């Protein structure tokens, strides 16, 4: 529950002006939500947190699956840039 609250409030931390690092890759709380016992099976869940992080303005991510998360971050950033 605490992890979900922290991720839901990422914008609050970003707005403080300090660099925010999001390291949710393959975390157990996502496995519980997704009913996935194997951390390797949490790529989609990790990508979801990356997109949420980009949306909140996070600039630094710690992930295991770099290519998939980079693609997700790039697409999210491209969409966000079109909103302005």
C-alpha atoms as a PDB file:
ATOM      1  CA  UNK A   1       0.000   0.000   0.000  1.00  0.00           C
ATOM      2  CA  UNK A   2       2.838   2.411   0.844  1.00  0.00           C
ATOM      3  CA  UNK A   3       4.521   1.829  -2.532  1.00  0.00           C
ATOM      4  CA  UNK A   4       1.276   2.546  -4.362  1.00  0.00           C
ATOM      5  CA  UNK A   5       0.795   5.767  -2.414  1.00  0.00           C
ATOM      6  CA  UNK A   6       4.360   6.883  -3.129  1.00  0.00           C
ATOM      7  CA  UNK A   7       4.014   6.275  -6.859  1.00  0.00           C
ATOM      8  CA  UNK A   8       0.605   7.968  -6.891  1.00  0.00           C
ATOM      9  CA  UNK A   9       2.246  11.059  -5.351  1.00  0.00           C
ATOM     10  CA  UNK A  10       5.380  11.212  -7.538  1.00  0.00           C
ATOM     11  CA  UNK A  11       4.468  14.670  -8.834  1.00  0.00           C
ATOM     12  CA  UNK A  12       4.543  15.992  -5.246  1.00  0.00           C
ATOM     13  CA  UNK A  13       8.165  14.873  -4.873  1.00  0.00           C
ATOM     14  CA  UNK A  14       9.177  16.148  -8.316  1.00  0.00           C
ATOM     15  CA  UNK A  15       7.608  19.530  -7.544  1.00  0.00           C
ATOM     16  CA  UNK A  16       9.921  19.916  -4.533  1.00  0.00           C
ATOM     17  CA  UNK A  17      12.702  20.538  -7.052  1.00  0.00           C
ATOM     18  CA  UNK A  18      14.998  17.674  -6.097  1.00  0.00           C
ATOM     19  CA  UNK A  19      15.991  14.888  -8.497  1.00  0.00           C
ATOM     20  CA  UNK A  20      13.677  11.908  -8.089  1.00  0.00           C
ATOM     21  CA  UNK A  21      14.798   8.371  -8.917  1.00  0.00           C
ATOM     22  CA  UNK A  22      12.087   5.777  -9.493  1.00  0.00           C
ATOM     23  CA  UNK A  23      13.248   2.215  -8.857  1.00  0.00           C
ATOM     24  CA  UNK A  24      10.088   0.124  -9.079  1.00  0.00           C
ATOM     25  CA  UNK A  25      11.452  -2.459 -11.529  1.00  0.00           C
ATOM     26  CA  UNK A  26      10.233  -5.985 -10.730  1.00  0.00           C
ATOM     27  CA  UNK A  27       9.215  -5.070  -7.186  1.00  0.00           C
ATOM     28  CA  UNK A  28       7.239  -7.527  -5.077  1.00  0.00           C
ATOM     29  CA  UNK A  29       4.244  -5.210  -4.572  1.00  0.00           C
ATOM     30  CA  UNK A  30       3.605  -5.340  -8.329  1.00  0.00           C
ATOM     31  CA  UNK A  31       3.871  -9.131  -8.275  1.00  0.00           C
ATOM     32  CA  UNK A  32       1.145  -9.223  -5.641  1.00  0.00           C
ATOM     33  CA  UNK A  33      -1.112  -7.003  -7.734  1.00  0.00           C
ATOM     34  CA  UNK A  34      -0.456  -8.992 -10.915  1.00  0.00           C
ATOM     35  CA  UNK A  35      -0.437 -12.387  -9.199  1.00  0.00           C
ATOM     36  CA  UNK A  36       3.023 -13.025 -10.624  1.00  0.00           C
ATOM     37  CA  UNK A  37       5.580 -14.864  -8.489  1.00  0.00           C
ATOM     38  CA  UNK A  38       8.428 -14.606 -10.995  1.00  0.00           C
ATOM     39  CA  UNK A  39       9.941 -11.101 -11.003  1.00  0.00           C
ATOM     40  CA  UNK A  40      10.978 -11.537 -14.649  1.00  0.00           C
ATOM     41  CA  UNK A  41       7.271 -11.700 -15.484  1.00  0.00           C
ATOM     42  CA  UNK A  42       6.730  -8.119 -14.311  1.00  0.00           C
ATOM     43  CA  UNK A  43       7.906  -6.305 -17.437  1.00  0.00           C
ATOM     44  CA  UNK A  44       4.471  -4.865 -18.159  1.00  0.00           C
ATOM     45  CA  UNK A  45       4.049  -3.733 -14.566  1.00  0.00           C
ATOM     46  CA  UNK A  46       7.472  -2.094 -14.572  1.00  0.00           C
ATOM     47  CA  UNK A  47       6.736  -0.328 -17.859  1.00  0.00           C
ATOM     48  CA  UNK A  48       3.507   0.999 -16.321  1.00  0.00           C
ATOM     49  CA  UNK A  49       5.443   2.567 -13.452  1.00  0.00           C
ATOM     50  CA  UNK A  50       7.940   4.048 -15.904  1.00  0.00           C
ATOM     51  CA  UNK A  51       5.148   5.722 -17.867  1.00  0.00           C
ATOM     52  CA  UNK A  52       3.612   7.035 -14.656  1.00  0.00           C
ATOM     53  CA  UNK A  53       7.023   8.354 -13.644  1.00  0.00           C
ATOM     54  CA  UNK A  54       7.506  10.151 -16.953  1.00  0.00           C
ATOM     55  CA  UNK A  55       4.031  11.635 -16.621  1.00  0.00           C
ATOM     56  CA  UNK A  56       4.944  12.908 -13.139  1.00  0.00           C
ATOM     57  CA  UNK A  57       8.213  14.437 -14.334  1.00  0.00           C
ATOM     58  CA  UNK A  58      10.666  11.839 -12.998  1.00  0.00           C
ATOM     59  CA  UNK A  59      13.957  11.976 -14.906  1.00  0.00           C
ATOM     60  CA  UNK A  60      15.916   9.011 -13.478  1.00  0.00           C
ATOM     61  CA  UNK A  61      14.764   5.383 -13.569  1.00  0.00           C
ATOM     62  CA  UNK A  62      16.357   2.183 -12.285  1.00  0.00           C
ATOM     63  CA  UNK A  63      15.113  -0.722 -14.364  1.00  0.00           C
ATOM     64  CA  UNK A  64      16.158  -4.224 -15.351  1.00  0.00           C
ATOM     65  CA  UNK A  65      14.701  -4.248 -18.872  1.00  0.00           C
ATOM     66  CA  UNK A  66      16.240  -1.105 -20.280  1.00  0.00           C
ATOM     67  CA  UNK A  67      15.087  -1.286 -23.894  1.00  0.00           C
ATOM     68  CA  UNK A  68      11.376  -1.829 -23.143  1.00  0.00           C
ATOM     69  CA  UNK A  69      11.336   0.856 -20.462  1.00  0.00           C
ATOM     70  CA  UNK A  70      13.241   3.308 -22.650  1.00  0.00           C
ATOM     71  CA  UNK A  71      10.721   2.783 -25.445  1.00  0.00           C
ATOM     72  CA  UNK A  72       7.834   3.346 -23.037  1.00  0.00           C
ATOM     73  CA  UNK A  73       9.478   6.466 -21.617  1.00  0.00           C
ATOM     74  CA  UNK A  74      10.187   7.864 -25.083  1.00  0.00           C
ATOM     75  CA  UNK A  75       6.614   7.311 -26.261  1.00  0.00           C
ATOM     76  CA  UNK A  76       5.158   8.788 -23.072  1.00  0.00           C
ATOM     77  CA  UNK A  77       7.446  11.831 -23.344  1.00  0.00           C
ATOM     78  CA  UNK A  78       6.496  12.322 -27.016  1.00  0.00           C
ATOM     79  CA  UNK A  79       2.797  12.239 -26.172  1.00  0.00           C
ATOM     80  CA  UNK A  80       3.239  14.609 -23.220  1.00  0.00           C
ATOM     81  CA  UNK A  81       5.181  17.069 -25.376  1.00  0.00           C
ATOM     82  CA  UNK A  82       2.208  17.269 -27.754  1.00  0.00           C
ATOM     83  CA  UNK A  83      -0.101  18.327 -24.909  1.00  0.00           C
ATOM     84  CA  UNK A  84       1.652  21.653 -24.476  1.00  0.00           C
END
